[in-house]
């Protein structure tokens, strides 16, 4: 059984997809690029950095969450793992709109 504990990691990084420098979010963990919305398959449980895959998490769509607004739907291009990340306040709304009409 997996441990569902959330480990807070809010750090800067350079996006592998678009090359932009991404600053910490400040109010929760930064888990994707706000410019292009791409992410990396680094975790098994949020923030644990325990995934051995390290594939690219490609944004595939948007979903309305019952509790926490909207989430970006991801699929790993290496292992097929699917996950969701909450939309951040500074995410590129044009990209969000593009994902919502792509469904």
Protein backbone atom coordinates (compact mmCIF):
# COMPACT_ATOMS: atom_id res chain seq x y z
CA UNK A 1 0.00 0.00 0.00
CA UNK A 2 1.37 3.41 -0.97
CA UNK A 3 1.90 6.17 1.58
CA UNK A 4 -0.31 9.12 0.57
CA UNK A 5 1.75 11.77 2.37
CA UNK A 6 2.41 14.99 0.48
CA UNK A 7 5.98 16.29 0.60
CA UNK A 8 6.18 20.01 -0.16
CA UNK A 9 8.80 20.79 -2.82
CA UNK A 10 8.50 24.30 -4.26
CA UNK A 11 11.71 25.02 -6.12
CA UNK A 12 12.96 26.71 -9.28
CA UNK A 13 13.79 24.69 -12.38
CA UNK A 14 14.38 25.04 -16.12
CA UNK A 15 11.55 23.49 -18.14
CA UNK A 16 12.83 20.64 -20.31
CA UNK A 17 10.09 21.32 -22.90
CA UNK A 18 10.12 25.10 -23.48
CA UNK A 19 13.39 26.09 -21.78
CA UNK A 20 11.82 28.76 -19.54
CA UNK A 21 13.09 29.38 -16.03
CA UNK A 22 10.31 28.47 -13.61
CA UNK A 23 10.21 30.20 -10.22
CA UNK A 24 8.77 28.68 -7.02
CA UNK A 25 5.00 29.05 -6.72
CA UNK A 26 5.04 30.32 -3.15
CA UNK A 27 1.74 28.92 -1.86
CA UNK A 28 2.09 25.20 -2.68
CA UNK A 29 4.45 22.85 -4.52
CA UNK A 30 5.41 23.76 -8.08
CA UNK A 31 4.77 20.60 -10.14
CA UNK A 32 4.68 21.79 -13.75
CA UNK A 33 5.81 24.60 -16.03
CA UNK A 34 3.32 27.52 -15.99
CA UNK A 35 4.28 28.45 -19.55
CA UNK A 36 3.80 25.18 -21.49
CA UNK A 37 2.20 23.09 -18.66
CA UNK A 38 4.60 20.14 -19.15
CA UNK A 39 5.95 18.19 -16.17
CA UNK A 40 8.25 15.27 -15.36
CA UNK A 41 7.41 11.83 -13.94
CA UNK A 42 9.51 12.23 -10.79
CA UNK A 43 7.17 11.11 -8.00
CA UNK A 44 5.22 8.07 -6.88
CA UNK A 45 3.54 10.07 -4.12
CA UNK A 46 3.55 13.89 -4.41
CA UNK A 47 7.02 15.24 -3.68
CA UNK A 48 8.76 11.96 -2.87
CA UNK A 49 10.98 11.94 -6.04
CA UNK A 50 10.82 8.12 -5.91
CA UNK A 51 9.82 7.36 -9.51
CA UNK A 52 12.52 5.64 -11.51
CA UNK A 53 10.79 6.49 -14.82
CA UNK A 54 11.74 10.20 -15.16
CA UNK A 55 9.65 10.38 -18.36
CA UNK A 56 7.91 13.46 -19.73
CA UNK A 57 4.39 14.14 -18.45
CA UNK A 58 2.51 15.50 -21.44
CA UNK A 59 -0.60 17.63 -20.73
CA UNK A 60 -3.60 15.88 -22.36
CA UNK A 61 -6.68 17.68 -21.03
CA UNK A 62 -8.45 19.53 -18.22
CA UNK A 63 -10.82 18.18 -15.58
CA UNK A 64 -13.05 19.97 -13.08
CA UNK A 65 -12.32 18.70 -9.58
CA UNK A 66 -15.10 18.43 -7.01
CA UNK A 67 -12.91 19.98 -4.30
CA UNK A 68 -10.04 21.94 -5.83
CA UNK A 69 -11.02 23.77 -9.02
CA UNK A 70 -9.51 22.48 -12.25
CA UNK A 71 -6.74 19.97 -12.84
CA UNK A 72 -4.42 19.28 -15.77
CA UNK A 73 -4.50 15.66 -16.96
CA UNK A 74 -1.11 14.15 -17.81
CA UNK A 75 0.21 11.02 -19.48
CA UNK A 76 3.85 9.92 -19.29
CA UNK A 77 5.41 9.47 -22.72
CA UNK A 78 7.76 6.77 -21.37
CA UNK A 79 5.65 4.44 -19.19
CA UNK A 80 2.04 5.53 -19.83
CA UNK A 81 1.42 6.59 -16.20
CA UNK A 82 -1.52 9.01 -15.89
CA UNK A 83 -1.80 11.69 -13.21
CA UNK A 84 -3.42 15.06 -12.46
CA UNK A 85 -2.02 18.36 -11.19
CA UNK A 86 -3.99 21.31 -9.87
CA UNK A 87 -3.89 24.37 -12.13
CA UNK A 88 -1.67 27.09 -10.62
CA UNK A 89 -2.65 30.76 -10.44
CA UNK A 90 0.13 31.74 -12.87
CA UNK A 91 -0.52 29.05 -15.51
CA UNK A 92 -0.74 30.17 -19.14
CA UNK A 93 -4.49 30.53 -19.74
CA UNK A 94 -4.08 30.20 -23.51
CA UNK A 95 -2.55 26.76 -22.95
CA UNK A 96 -5.33 25.85 -20.49
CA UNK A 97 -7.97 26.87 -23.05
CA UNK A 98 -6.20 24.88 -25.78
CA UNK A 99 -6.26 21.79 -23.56
CA UNK A 100 -9.92 22.26 -22.67
CA UNK A 101 -11.04 22.37 -26.31
CA UNK A 102 -8.76 19.47 -27.27
CA UNK A 103 -10.78 17.02 -25.18
